[in-house]
Amino acid sequence: MSPDFESDLARVRAICMAYPDAAEKLSHGAPAFFIEKGRVYAYVWHNHHDDGHDAVMVKTTGREEQAMLVEMDPDFYHVPPYLGPAGWVAMELSGDATDWDRIEERISISWEMVAPRRLLEAGGR
């Protein structure tokens, strides 16, 4: 778990809100980042159901990519409950040890997966 979850959340929020048409809402008590029509591209969970993880959840292309990411680095990626069956992957927030480059890249990919054509054609992120 993150030693300073609020700082990590602030950093994730800054990344997520930098995208065109980004918005934030609470979903089941956790921050969810979305664009029009409620298309969510990231969630942030803090010790969800006492699971011992602080993590950012993002979309993948499906179960194959999800499995590849988890196999590649099981200390960083894991399959989150509820969202995992739909191909989402969780990335660990670990304070200063957090791999912010990977988190930013995966959030970007997730945003692009839900962004409407008009935002992508306008230059996206």
N, C-alpha and C. Protein backbone atom coordinates (compact mmCIF):
# COMPACT_ATOMS: atom_id res chain seq x y z
N MET A 1 0.83 -1.19 0.00
CA MET A 1 0.00 0.00 0.00
C MET A 1 0.87 1.25 0.00
N SER A 2 0.31 2.31 -0.46
CA SER A 2 1.03 3.57 -0.52
C SER A 2 1.20 4.16 0.88
N PRO A 3 2.40 4.66 1.17
CA PRO A 3 2.58 5.34 2.45
C PRO A 3 1.90 6.71 2.49
N ASP A 4 1.57 7.26 1.33
CA ASP A 4 0.92 8.57 1.26
C ASP A 4 -0.13 8.54 0.14
N PHE A 5 -1.22 7.85 0.41
CA PHE A 5 -2.24 7.65 -0.61
C PHE A 5 -2.78 8.97 -1.15
N GLU A 6 -3.00 9.96 -0.31
CA GLU A 6 -3.57 11.23 -0.78
C GLU A 6 -2.67 11.91 -1.81
N SER A 7 -1.36 11.84 -1.61
CA SER A 7 -0.43 12.41 -2.61
C SER A 7 -0.48 11.62 -3.91
N ASP A 8 -0.53 10.30 -3.78
CA ASP A 8 -0.62 9.47 -4.98
C ASP A 8 -1.93 9.73 -5.72
N LEU A 9 -3.02 9.85 -4.98
CA LEU A 9 -4.31 10.15 -5.60
C LEU A 9 -4.27 11.50 -6.31
N ALA A 10 -3.66 12.49 -5.69
CA ALA A 10 -3.55 13.81 -6.32
C ALA A 10 -2.78 13.72 -7.64
N ARG A 11 -1.75 12.90 -7.65
CA ARG A 11 -0.96 12.76 -8.88
C ARG A 11 -1.75 12.03 -9.96
N VAL A 12 -2.45 10.98 -9.59
CA VAL A 12 -3.30 10.27 -10.56
C VAL A 12 -4.37 11.21 -11.08
N ARG A 13 -4.99 11.97 -10.18
CA ARG A 13 -6.03 12.92 -10.58
C ARG A 13 -5.47 13.92 -11.60
N ALA A 14 -4.29 14.44 -11.37
CA ALA A 14 -3.68 15.40 -12.30
C ALA A 14 -3.46 14.76 -13.68
N ILE A 15 -3.02 13.52 -13.70
CA ILE A 15 -2.81 12.82 -14.97
C ILE A 15 -4.15 12.64 -15.68
N CYS A 16 -5.14 12.12 -14.96
CA CYS A 16 -6.43 11.81 -15.56
C CYS A 16 -7.18 13.05 -16.04
N MET A 17 -7.10 14.12 -15.29
CA MET A 17 -7.87 15.32 -15.63
C MET A 17 -7.21 16.15 -16.73
N ALA A 18 -6.01 15.78 -17.15
CA ALA A 18 -5.33 16.51 -18.22
C ALA A 18 -5.87 16.15 -19.61
N TYR A 19 -6.67 15.10 -19.70
CA TYR A 19 -7.21 14.68 -20.99
C TYR A 19 -8.44 15.48 -21.37
N PRO A 20 -8.66 15.69 -22.66
CA PRO A 20 -9.84 16.43 -23.11
C PRO A 20 -11.13 15.78 -22.60
N ASP A 21 -12.06 16.61 -22.17
CA ASP A 21 -13.38 16.19 -21.71
C ASP A 21 -13.34 15.27 -20.49
N ALA A 22 -12.24 15.28 -19.74
CA ALA A 22 -12.13 14.44 -18.55
C ALA A 22 -13.02 14.97 -17.44
N ALA A 23 -13.57 14.05 -16.68
CA ALA A 23 -14.37 14.40 -15.51
C ALA A 23 -14.13 13.34 -14.45
N GLU A 24 -14.48 13.68 -13.22
CA GLU A 24 -14.33 12.75 -12.11
C GLU A 24 -15.65 12.63 -11.37
N LYS A 25 -15.92 11.44 -10.89
CA LYS A 25 -17.08 11.19 -10.04
C LYS A 25 -16.71 10.09 -9.06
N LEU A 26 -17.49 9.97 -8.01
CA LEU A 26 -17.33 8.84 -7.10
C LEU A 26 -18.17 7.68 -7.63
N SER A 27 -17.56 6.53 -7.67
CA SER A 27 -18.25 5.32 -8.09
C SER A 27 -18.02 4.28 -7.00
N HIS A 28 -19.06 3.93 -6.31
CA HIS A 28 -18.96 2.98 -5.20
C HIS A 28 -17.92 3.45 -4.18
N GLY A 29 -17.87 4.76 -3.96
CA GLY A 29 -16.99 5.33 -2.95
C GLY A 29 -15.56 5.57 -3.41
N ALA A 30 -15.24 5.31 -4.66
CA ALA A 30 -13.88 5.48 -5.18
C ALA A 30 -13.88 6.44 -6.35
N PRO A 31 -12.80 7.21 -6.53
CA PRO A 31 -12.72 8.11 -7.68
C PRO A 31 -12.72 7.33 -9.00
N ALA A 32 -13.55 7.81 -9.92
CA ALA A 32 -13.62 7.24 -11.26
C ALA A 32 -13.43 8.39 -12.25
N PHE A 33 -12.63 8.17 -13.26
CA PHE A 33 -12.34 9.20 -14.26
C PHE A 33 -12.96 8.75 -15.58
N PHE A 34 -13.69 9.67 -16.21
CA PHE A 34 -14.46 9.30 -17.38
C PHE A 34 -14.55 10.46 -18.35
N ILE A 35 -15.04 10.14 -19.56
CA ILE A 35 -15.37 11.17 -20.54
C ILE A 35 -16.84 10.99 -20.86
N GLU A 36 -17.32 11.76 -21.79
CA GLU A 36 -18.76 11.83 -22.08
C GLU A 36 -19.45 10.48 -22.08
N LYS A 37 -20.71 10.53 -21.72
CA LYS A 37 -21.58 9.36 -21.65
C LYS A 37 -21.08 8.34 -20.61
N GLY A 38 -20.29 8.81 -19.66
CA GLY A 38 -19.86 7.95 -18.57
C GLY A 38 -18.84 6.89 -18.91
N ARG A 39 -18.13 7.05 -20.00
CA ARG A 39 -17.11 6.07 -20.40
C ARG A 39 -15.90 6.18 -19.47
N VAL A 40 -15.79 5.27 -18.54
CA VAL A 40 -14.73 5.31 -17.53
C VAL A 40 -13.43 4.78 -18.12
N TYR A 41 -12.34 5.49 -17.84
CA TYR A 41 -11.02 5.01 -18.28
C TYR A 41 -10.06 4.77 -17.13
N ALA A 42 -10.42 5.14 -15.91
CA ALA A 42 -9.56 4.84 -14.76
C ALA A 42 -10.35 4.93 -13.46
N TYR A 43 -10.01 4.06 -12.55
CA TYR A 43 -10.52 4.08 -11.18
C TYR A 43 -9.31 4.11 -10.25
N VAL A 44 -9.50 4.64 -9.06
CA VAL A 44 -8.47 4.58 -8.03
C VAL A 44 -9.11 3.96 -6.79
N TRP A 45 -8.51 2.89 -6.32
CA TRP A 45 -9.02 2.21 -5.13
C TRP A 45 -8.00 2.30 -4.02
N HIS A 46 -8.49 2.55 -2.82
CA HIS A 46 -7.65 2.64 -1.62
C HIS A 46 -8.05 1.50 -0.68
N ASN A 47 -7.22 0.47 -0.63
CA ASN A 47 -7.45 -0.67 0.26
C ASN A 47 -8.89 -1.18 0.13
N HIS A 48 -9.29 -1.38 -1.11
CA HIS A 48 -10.66 -1.79 -1.45
C HIS A 48 -11.02 -3.10 -0.75
N HIS A 49 -12.05 -3.09 0.05
CA HIS A 49 -12.48 -4.26 0.83
C HIS A 49 -11.31 -4.86 1.62
N ASP A 50 -10.43 -3.97 2.13
CA ASP A 50 -9.27 -4.40 2.93
C ASP A 50 -8.38 -5.39 2.19
N ASP A 51 -8.18 -5.16 0.88
CA ASP A 51 -7.36 -6.08 0.10
C ASP A 51 -5.87 -5.79 0.19
N GLY A 52 -5.48 -4.70 0.87
CA GLY A 52 -4.06 -4.39 1.03
C GLY A 52 -3.43 -3.71 -0.17
N HIS A 53 -4.24 -3.27 -1.12
CA HIS A 53 -3.72 -2.60 -2.32
C HIS A 53 -4.24 -1.18 -2.42
N ASP A 54 -3.37 -0.28 -2.82
CA ASP A 54 -3.76 1.03 -3.34
C ASP A 54 -3.39 0.96 -4.81
N ALA A 55 -4.37 1.18 -5.67
CA ALA A 55 -4.11 0.90 -7.09
C ALA A 55 -4.94 1.77 -8.01
N VAL A 56 -4.43 1.89 -9.23
CA VAL A 56 -5.14 2.52 -10.34
C VAL A 56 -5.57 1.40 -11.28
N MET A 57 -6.85 1.38 -11.63
CA MET A 57 -7.37 0.39 -12.57
C MET A 57 -7.59 1.05 -13.91
N VAL A 58 -7.14 0.37 -14.98
CA VAL A 58 -7.31 0.87 -16.34
C VAL A 58 -7.77 -0.26 -17.25
N LYS A 59 -8.33 0.15 -18.38
CA LYS A 59 -8.78 -0.81 -19.38
C LYS A 59 -7.58 -1.40 -20.12
N THR A 60 -7.76 -2.63 -20.57
CA THR A 60 -6.82 -3.24 -21.51
C THR A 60 -7.64 -3.68 -22.72
N THR A 61 -6.98 -4.25 -23.69
CA THR A 61 -7.70 -4.72 -24.87
C THR A 61 -8.45 -6.02 -24.59
N GLY A 62 -8.20 -6.62 -23.45
CA GLY A 62 -8.91 -7.85 -23.10
C GLY A 62 -8.07 -8.74 -22.20
N ARG A 63 -8.58 -9.93 -21.98
CA ARG A 63 -7.96 -10.85 -21.03
C ARG A 63 -6.54 -11.26 -21.43
N GLU A 64 -6.25 -11.34 -22.73
CA GLU A 64 -4.90 -11.71 -23.14
C GLU A 64 -3.88 -10.64 -22.73
N GLU A 65 -4.18 -9.39 -23.03
CA GLU A 65 -3.26 -8.31 -22.64
C GLU A 65 -3.16 -8.22 -21.13
N GLN A 66 -4.27 -8.34 -20.45
CA GLN A 66 -4.29 -8.32 -18.99
C GLN A 66 -3.34 -9.39 -18.43
N ALA A 67 -3.48 -10.63 -18.93
CA ALA A 67 -2.65 -11.74 -18.46
C ALA A 67 -1.18 -11.49 -18.76
N MET A 68 -0.89 -10.94 -19.95
CA MET A 68 0.50 -10.65 -20.31
C MET A 68 1.11 -9.64 -19.35
N LEU A 69 0.37 -8.57 -19.03
CA LEU A 69 0.88 -7.55 -18.12
C LEU A 69 1.15 -8.12 -16.73
N VAL A 70 0.20 -8.89 -16.22
CA VAL A 70 0.37 -9.48 -14.88
C VAL A 70 1.55 -10.45 -14.87
N GLU A 71 1.67 -11.26 -15.91
CA GLU A 71 2.80 -12.20 -15.98
C GLU A 71 4.13 -11.46 -16.09
N MET A 72 4.14 -10.36 -16.84
CA MET A 72 5.36 -9.58 -17.04
C MET A 72 5.87 -8.97 -15.73
N ASP A 73 4.95 -8.49 -14.88
CA ASP A 73 5.37 -7.84 -13.64
C ASP A 73 4.28 -7.99 -12.57
N PRO A 74 4.22 -9.15 -11.91
CA PRO A 74 3.16 -9.40 -10.94
C PRO A 74 3.27 -8.56 -9.66
N ASP A 75 4.41 -7.92 -9.44
CA ASP A 75 4.53 -7.02 -8.29
C ASP A 75 3.90 -5.66 -8.57
N PHE A 76 3.73 -5.32 -9.84
CA PHE A 76 3.17 -4.03 -10.23
C PHE A 76 1.72 -4.16 -10.69
N TYR A 77 1.44 -5.18 -11.50
CA TYR A 77 0.09 -5.39 -12.04
C TYR A 77 -0.61 -6.51 -11.30
N HIS A 78 -1.92 -6.39 -11.15
CA HIS A 78 -2.73 -7.51 -10.68
C HIS A 78 -4.13 -7.38 -11.28
N VAL A 79 -4.86 -8.48 -11.22
CA VAL A 79 -6.24 -8.51 -11.73
C VAL A 79 -7.15 -8.05 -10.59
N PRO A 80 -7.84 -6.94 -10.79
CA PRO A 80 -8.68 -6.43 -9.71
C PRO A 80 -10.02 -7.18 -9.63
N PRO A 81 -10.58 -7.26 -8.42
CA PRO A 81 -11.90 -7.86 -8.32
C PRO A 81 -12.92 -7.00 -9.07
N TYR A 82 -14.00 -7.62 -9.48
CA TYR A 82 -15.12 -6.98 -10.17
C TYR A 82 -14.77 -6.53 -11.58
N LEU A 83 -13.70 -5.75 -11.75
CA LEU A 83 -13.33 -5.23 -13.06
C LEU A 83 -12.46 -6.21 -13.86
N GLY A 84 -11.76 -7.08 -13.17
CA GLY A 84 -10.85 -8.02 -13.82
C GLY A 84 -11.49 -8.87 -14.89
N PRO A 85 -12.67 -9.44 -14.66
CA PRO A 85 -13.28 -10.27 -15.70
C PRO A 85 -13.56 -9.51 -17.00
N ALA A 86 -13.65 -8.18 -16.92
CA ALA A 86 -13.86 -7.37 -18.13
C ALA A 86 -12.53 -6.93 -18.75
N GLY A 87 -11.42 -7.45 -18.24
CA GLY A 87 -10.11 -7.17 -18.84
C GLY A 87 -9.36 -6.00 -18.24
N TRP A 88 -9.89 -5.40 -17.18
CA TRP A 88 -9.17 -4.29 -16.55
C TRP A 88 -7.97 -4.84 -15.78
N VAL A 89 -6.96 -3.98 -15.61
CA VAL A 89 -5.77 -4.35 -14.85
C VAL A 89 -5.52 -3.26 -13.80
N ALA A 90 -4.99 -3.68 -12.66
CA ALA A 90 -4.67 -2.75 -11.58
C ALA A 90 -3.16 -2.55 -11.52
N MET A 91 -2.76 -1.31 -11.22
CA MET A 91 -1.34 -0.97 -11.07
C MET A 91 -1.14 -0.42 -9.66
N GLU A 92 -0.12 -0.93 -8.99
CA GLU A 92 0.14 -0.58 -7.60
C GLU A 92 0.61 0.86 -7.43
N LEU A 93 0.05 1.52 -6.42
CA LEU A 93 0.54 2.82 -5.97
C LEU A 93 1.41 2.58 -4.74
N SER A 94 2.65 3.02 -4.80
CA SER A 94 3.61 2.72 -3.73
C SER A 94 4.38 3.95 -3.29
N GLY A 95 3.74 5.10 -3.29
CA GLY A 95 4.44 6.32 -2.88
C GLY A 95 5.59 6.64 -3.80
N ASP A 96 6.76 6.92 -3.22
CA ASP A 96 7.94 7.27 -4.01
C ASP A 96 8.40 6.15 -4.94
N ALA A 97 8.04 4.92 -4.62
CA ALA A 97 8.46 3.77 -5.44
C ALA A 97 7.52 3.53 -6.62
N THR A 98 6.48 4.31 -6.75
CA THR A 98 5.51 4.12 -7.84
C THR A 98 6.16 4.38 -9.19
N ASP A 99 5.86 3.52 -10.15
CA ASP A 99 6.36 3.69 -11.52
C ASP A 99 5.39 4.61 -12.27
N TRP A 100 5.59 5.90 -12.10
CA TRP A 100 4.67 6.89 -12.66
C TRP A 100 4.68 6.91 -14.18
N ASP A 101 5.79 6.59 -14.80
CA ASP A 101 5.82 6.56 -16.27
C ASP A 101 4.88 5.49 -16.80
N ARG A 102 4.92 4.30 -16.20
CA ARG A 102 4.02 3.23 -16.65
C ARG A 102 2.57 3.57 -16.35
N ILE A 103 2.32 4.15 -15.18
CA ILE A 103 0.94 4.51 -14.84
C ILE A 103 0.41 5.54 -15.83
N GLU A 104 1.21 6.56 -16.13
CA GLU A 104 0.75 7.59 -17.07
C GLU A 104 0.51 7.00 -18.45
N GLU A 105 1.37 6.12 -18.90
CA GLU A 105 1.22 5.50 -20.23
C GLU A 105 -0.04 4.64 -20.29
N ARG A 106 -0.28 3.83 -19.26
CA ARG A 106 -1.45 2.96 -19.26
C ARG A 106 -2.75 3.76 -19.14
N ILE A 107 -2.74 4.85 -18.37
CA ILE A 107 -3.93 5.71 -18.29
C ILE A 107 -4.20 6.30 -19.67
N SER A 108 -3.15 6.72 -20.35
CA SER A 108 -3.30 7.28 -21.69
C SER A 108 -3.92 6.28 -22.65
N ILE A 109 -3.43 5.06 -22.62
CA ILE A 109 -3.97 4.01 -23.49
C ILE A 109 -5.44 3.76 -23.17
N SER A 110 -5.75 3.72 -21.89
CA SER A 110 -7.13 3.49 -21.47
C SER A 110 -8.05 4.62 -21.94
N TRP A 111 -7.58 5.87 -21.80
CA TRP A 111 -8.36 7.02 -22.27
C TRP A 111 -8.63 6.89 -23.76
N GLU A 112 -7.60 6.55 -24.53
CA GLU A 112 -7.76 6.41 -25.98
C GLU A 112 -8.76 5.32 -26.34
N MET A 113 -8.86 4.29 -25.51
CA MET A 113 -9.79 3.20 -25.79
C MET A 113 -11.25 3.63 -25.66
N VAL A 114 -11.53 4.64 -24.84
CA VAL A 114 -12.91 5.07 -24.64
C VAL A 114 -13.22 6.41 -25.31
N ALA A 115 -12.20 7.11 -25.77
CA ALA A 115 -12.41 8.44 -26.35
C ALA A 115 -13.18 8.35 -27.67
N PRO A 116 -14.10 9.26 -27.86
CA PRO A 116 -14.81 9.28 -29.15
C PRO A 116 -13.88 9.75 -30.26
N ARG A 117 -14.24 9.39 -31.46
CA ARG A 117 -13.43 9.71 -32.64
C ARG A 117 -13.10 11.21 -32.72
N ARG A 118 -14.07 12.07 -32.39
CA ARG A 118 -13.84 13.53 -32.51
C ARG A 118 -12.69 13.99 -31.62
N LEU A 119 -12.53 13.39 -30.43
CA LEU A 119 -11.41 13.77 -29.56
C LEU A 119 -10.10 13.21 -30.08
N LEU A 120 -10.13 11.99 -30.58
CA LEU A 120 -8.91 11.40 -31.14
C LEU A 120 -8.46 12.15 -32.37
N GLU A 121 -9.40 12.53 -33.24
CA GLU A 121 -9.06 13.26 -34.45
C GLU A 121 -8.60 14.69 -34.16
N ALA A 122 -9.03 15.24 -33.03
CA ALA A 122 -8.63 16.60 -32.65
C ALA A 122 -7.24 16.61 -32.02
N GLY A 123 -6.61 15.47 -31.94
CA GLY A 123 -5.26 15.42 -31.40
C GLY A 123 -5.18 14.70 -30.07
N GLY A 124 -6.33 14.38 -29.51
CA GLY A 124 -6.33 13.59 -28.27
C GLY A 124 -5.56 14.23 -27.17
N ARG A 125 -4.70 13.46 -26.59
CA ARG A 125 -3.94 13.92 -25.43
C ARG A 125 -2.80 14.82 -25.77
